[in-house]
N, C-alpha and C. Protein backbone atom coordinates (compact mmCIF):
# COMPACT_ATOMS: atom_id res chain seq x y z
N UNK A 1 0.79 10.99 1.11
CA UNK A 1 -0.26 11.56 0.29
C UNK A 1 -0.06 13.06 0.15
N UNK A 2 0.37 13.71 1.23
CA UNK A 2 0.61 15.16 1.17
C UNK A 2 1.66 15.49 0.12
N UNK A 3 2.70 14.68 0.04
CA UNK A 3 3.73 14.91 -0.98
C UNK A 3 3.14 14.77 -2.38
N UNK A 4 2.32 13.78 -2.57
CA UNK A 4 1.72 13.55 -3.89
C UNK A 4 0.84 14.72 -4.29
N UNK A 5 0.09 15.24 -3.34
CA UNK A 5 -0.85 16.32 -3.64
C UNK A 5 -0.16 17.68 -3.80
N UNK A 6 1.08 17.78 -3.39
CA UNK A 6 1.81 19.05 -3.52
C UNK A 6 2.88 18.99 -4.61
N UNK A 7 2.72 18.04 -5.53
CA UNK A 7 3.60 17.99 -6.69
C UNK A 7 4.94 17.31 -6.46
N UNK A 8 5.06 16.58 -5.39
CA UNK A 8 6.33 15.88 -5.12
C UNK A 8 6.13 14.37 -5.26
N UNK A 9 5.69 13.96 -6.44
CA UNK A 9 5.34 12.56 -6.69
C UNK A 9 6.52 11.62 -6.45
N UNK A 10 7.69 11.97 -6.96
CA UNK A 10 8.84 11.08 -6.79
C UNK A 10 9.19 10.89 -5.32
N UNK A 11 9.13 11.97 -4.56
CA UNK A 11 9.40 11.87 -3.12
C UNK A 11 8.34 11.01 -2.43
N UNK A 12 7.09 11.12 -2.88
CA UNK A 12 6.02 10.32 -2.29
C UNK A 12 6.24 8.84 -2.54
N UNK A 13 6.63 8.49 -3.76
CA UNK A 13 6.89 7.08 -4.07
C UNK A 13 8.06 6.57 -3.26
N UNK A 14 9.13 7.36 -3.21
CA UNK A 14 10.30 6.95 -2.42
C UNK A 14 9.93 6.74 -0.95
N UNK A 15 9.16 7.65 -0.41
CA UNK A 15 8.74 7.54 0.99
C UNK A 15 7.89 6.30 1.20
N UNK A 16 6.98 6.03 0.29
CA UNK A 16 6.13 4.84 0.40
C UNK A 16 6.98 3.58 0.39
N UNK A 17 7.94 3.54 -0.50
CA UNK A 17 8.80 2.36 -0.57
C UNK A 17 9.68 2.23 0.68
N UNK A 18 10.19 3.36 1.15
CA UNK A 18 11.02 3.34 2.35
C UNK A 18 10.21 2.94 3.58
N UNK A 19 8.91 3.14 3.52
CA UNK A 19 8.04 2.76 4.64
C UNK A 19 7.77 1.26 4.64
N UNK A 20 8.44 0.55 3.74
CA UNK A 20 8.41 -0.92 3.70
C UNK A 20 7.09 -1.48 3.22
N UNK A 21 6.43 -0.78 2.34
CA UNK A 21 5.19 -1.29 1.77
C UNK A 21 5.40 -2.66 1.14
N UNK A 22 6.48 -2.82 0.41
CA UNK A 22 6.70 -4.07 -0.30
C UNK A 22 7.36 -5.15 0.54
N UNK A 23 7.97 -4.77 1.64
CA UNK A 23 8.69 -5.77 2.42
C UNK A 23 7.86 -6.35 3.55
N UNK A 24 6.72 -5.77 3.84
CA UNK A 24 5.87 -6.32 4.88
C UNK A 24 6.29 -5.94 6.28
N UNK A 25 7.21 -4.99 6.44
CA UNK A 25 7.70 -4.63 7.77
C UNK A 25 6.72 -3.76 8.56
N UNK A 26 5.54 -3.51 8.02
CA UNK A 26 4.58 -2.68 8.73
C UNK A 26 3.70 -3.48 9.68
N UNK A 27 3.94 -4.77 9.76
CA UNK A 27 3.15 -5.59 10.68
C UNK A 27 1.68 -5.52 10.36
N UNK A 28 0.88 -5.33 11.38
CA UNK A 28 -0.56 -5.33 11.18
C UNK A 28 -1.13 -3.92 11.04
N UNK A 29 -0.30 -2.95 10.74
CA UNK A 29 -0.77 -1.58 10.60
C UNK A 29 -1.42 -1.40 9.23
N UNK A 30 -2.63 -1.90 9.10
CA UNK A 30 -3.32 -1.90 7.81
C UNK A 30 -3.75 -0.51 7.37
N UNK A 31 -3.99 0.39 8.31
CA UNK A 31 -4.37 1.75 7.91
C UNK A 31 -3.22 2.43 7.17
N UNK A 32 -2.01 2.23 7.65
CA UNK A 32 -0.83 2.79 6.98
C UNK A 32 -0.63 2.13 5.63
N UNK A 33 -0.76 0.82 5.60
CA UNK A 33 -0.59 0.11 4.33
C UNK A 33 -1.60 0.59 3.30
N UNK A 34 -2.86 0.75 3.71
CA UNK A 34 -3.90 1.21 2.77
C UNK A 34 -3.57 2.61 2.25
N UNK A 35 -3.12 3.48 3.13
CA UNK A 35 -2.77 4.85 2.71
C UNK A 35 -1.61 4.83 1.71
N UNK A 36 -0.63 3.98 1.96
CA UNK A 36 0.50 3.87 1.03
C UNK A 36 0.05 3.31 -0.31
N UNK A 37 -0.80 2.28 -0.29
CA UNK A 37 -1.30 1.72 -1.54
C UNK A 37 -2.05 2.78 -2.34
N UNK A 38 -2.94 3.52 -1.69
CA UNK A 38 -3.72 4.53 -2.41
C UNK A 38 -2.86 5.68 -2.90
N UNK A 39 -1.81 6.00 -2.18
CA UNK A 39 -0.88 7.02 -2.68
C UNK A 39 -0.24 6.55 -3.97
N UNK A 40 0.19 5.29 -3.99
CA UNK A 40 0.80 4.75 -5.22
C UNK A 40 -0.22 4.65 -6.35
N UNK A 41 -1.47 4.33 -6.03
CA UNK A 41 -2.51 4.26 -7.06
C UNK A 41 -2.75 5.64 -7.66
N UNK A 42 -2.87 6.64 -6.81
CA UNK A 42 -3.09 8.01 -7.30
C UNK A 42 -1.93 8.46 -8.19
N UNK A 43 -0.73 8.02 -7.85
CA UNK A 43 0.46 8.38 -8.63
C UNK A 43 0.67 7.46 -9.83
N UNK A 44 -0.29 6.56 -10.05
CA UNK A 44 -0.28 5.62 -11.18
C UNK A 44 0.94 4.71 -11.18
N UNK A 45 1.36 4.30 -10.00
CA UNK A 45 2.46 3.33 -9.86
C UNK A 45 1.83 1.94 -9.69
N UNK A 46 1.08 1.51 -10.72
CA UNK A 46 0.30 0.30 -10.65
C UNK A 46 1.16 -0.96 -10.52
N UNK A 47 2.33 -0.97 -11.13
CA UNK A 47 3.21 -2.14 -11.00
C UNK A 47 3.64 -2.35 -9.56
N UNK A 48 3.92 -1.28 -8.86
CA UNK A 48 4.30 -1.38 -7.45
C UNK A 48 3.15 -1.92 -6.62
N UNK A 49 1.95 -1.46 -6.92
CA UNK A 49 0.77 -1.93 -6.18
C UNK A 49 0.54 -3.41 -6.48
N UNK A 50 0.62 -3.78 -7.77
CA UNK A 50 0.43 -5.20 -8.14
C UNK A 50 1.45 -6.09 -7.43
N UNK A 51 2.66 -5.64 -7.30
CA UNK A 51 3.68 -6.43 -6.63
C UNK A 51 3.43 -6.54 -5.13
N UNK A 52 2.87 -5.49 -4.55
CA UNK A 52 2.65 -5.47 -3.10
C UNK A 52 1.44 -6.27 -2.67
N UNK A 53 0.43 -6.37 -3.51
CA UNK A 53 -0.84 -6.96 -3.08
C UNK A 53 -0.79 -8.45 -2.74
N UNK A 54 -0.20 -9.34 -3.54
CA UNK A 54 -0.27 -10.76 -3.19
C UNK A 54 0.27 -11.10 -1.79
N UNK A 55 1.47 -10.60 -1.41
CA UNK A 55 1.92 -10.92 -0.05
C UNK A 55 1.05 -10.26 1.02
N UNK A 56 0.50 -9.10 0.70
CA UNK A 56 -0.37 -8.44 1.68
C UNK A 56 -1.67 -9.23 1.86
N UNK A 57 -2.23 -9.75 0.76
CA UNK A 57 -3.43 -10.57 0.85
C UNK A 57 -3.14 -11.81 1.68
N UNK A 58 -2.02 -12.46 1.41
CA UNK A 58 -1.64 -13.65 2.19
C UNK A 58 -1.53 -13.32 3.67
N UNK A 59 -0.91 -12.20 3.98
CA UNK A 59 -0.74 -11.79 5.37
C UNK A 59 -2.08 -11.52 6.04
N UNK A 60 -2.96 -10.81 5.35
CA UNK A 60 -4.28 -10.50 5.92
C UNK A 60 -5.09 -11.77 6.15
N UNK A 61 -5.02 -12.69 5.20
CA UNK A 61 -5.74 -13.96 5.35
C UNK A 61 -5.18 -14.78 6.50
N UNK A 62 -3.87 -14.90 6.57
CA UNK A 62 -3.27 -15.75 7.61
C UNK A 62 -3.49 -15.17 9.00
N UNK A 63 -3.55 -13.84 9.10
CA UNK A 63 -3.81 -13.19 10.39
C UNK A 63 -5.30 -13.14 10.72
N UNK A 64 -6.15 -13.41 9.72
CA UNK A 64 -7.59 -13.29 9.92
C UNK A 64 -8.02 -11.85 10.13
N UNK A 65 -7.33 -10.93 9.47
CA UNK A 65 -7.57 -9.51 9.66
C UNK A 65 -8.60 -8.97 8.68
N UNK A 66 -9.79 -8.66 9.18
CA UNK A 66 -10.81 -8.05 8.33
C UNK A 66 -10.35 -6.69 7.83
N UNK A 67 -9.70 -5.94 8.69
CA UNK A 67 -9.19 -4.62 8.29
C UNK A 67 -8.15 -4.76 7.18
N UNK A 68 -7.31 -5.78 7.27
CA UNK A 68 -6.31 -6.03 6.24
C UNK A 68 -6.95 -6.42 4.92
N UNK A 69 -7.97 -7.27 4.98
CA UNK A 69 -8.66 -7.67 3.75
C UNK A 69 -9.33 -6.48 3.08
N UNK A 70 -9.92 -5.60 3.87
CA UNK A 70 -10.54 -4.39 3.31
C UNK A 70 -9.47 -3.53 2.65
N UNK A 71 -8.33 -3.38 3.31
CA UNK A 71 -7.24 -2.55 2.77
C UNK A 71 -6.78 -3.08 1.42
N UNK A 72 -6.55 -4.39 1.33
CA UNK A 72 -6.00 -4.92 0.08
C UNK A 72 -7.05 -5.06 -1.01
N UNK A 73 -8.23 -5.50 -0.64
CA UNK A 73 -9.24 -5.70 -1.68
C UNK A 73 -9.82 -4.38 -2.19
N UNK A 74 -9.78 -3.33 -1.40
CA UNK A 74 -10.23 -2.03 -1.91
C UNK A 74 -9.24 -1.48 -2.93
N UNK A 75 -8.02 -1.95 -2.88
CA UNK A 75 -6.98 -1.53 -3.81
C UNK A 75 -6.88 -2.42 -5.03
N UNK A 76 -7.40 -3.61 -4.92
CA UNK A 76 -7.21 -4.63 -5.95
C UNK A 76 -7.84 -4.26 -7.29
N UNK A 77 -8.95 -3.57 -7.29
CA UNK A 77 -9.65 -3.27 -8.53
C UNK A 77 -9.06 -2.13 -9.33
N UNK A 78 -8.04 -1.50 -8.82
CA UNK A 78 -7.49 -0.33 -9.51
C UNK A 78 -6.43 -0.68 -10.50
C-alpha cells in the first residue's frame, strides 16, 4: 500500500503478485490477503482481484474462517 500511495503503482502490483495473492501461498494469513486485495482495488487492477477472489472464497469457506470470509466479501463488491 505504501508503494501505491507514493506513486509506485507498478511496483505495488508486482509486489502483491509476488506475495502469492493469486497462488494461495499465504495460508491463513487473511490480514495480508485483505491488504493485498485492497491495494489492487485502489490501483484499479479489478481483473486481478476478480481472478483471486473465487479460490480465496473457497479457501475461507473450507477452513471455516470468519476472518477470511470478511476479507474476501469486503472486496467482492468493488
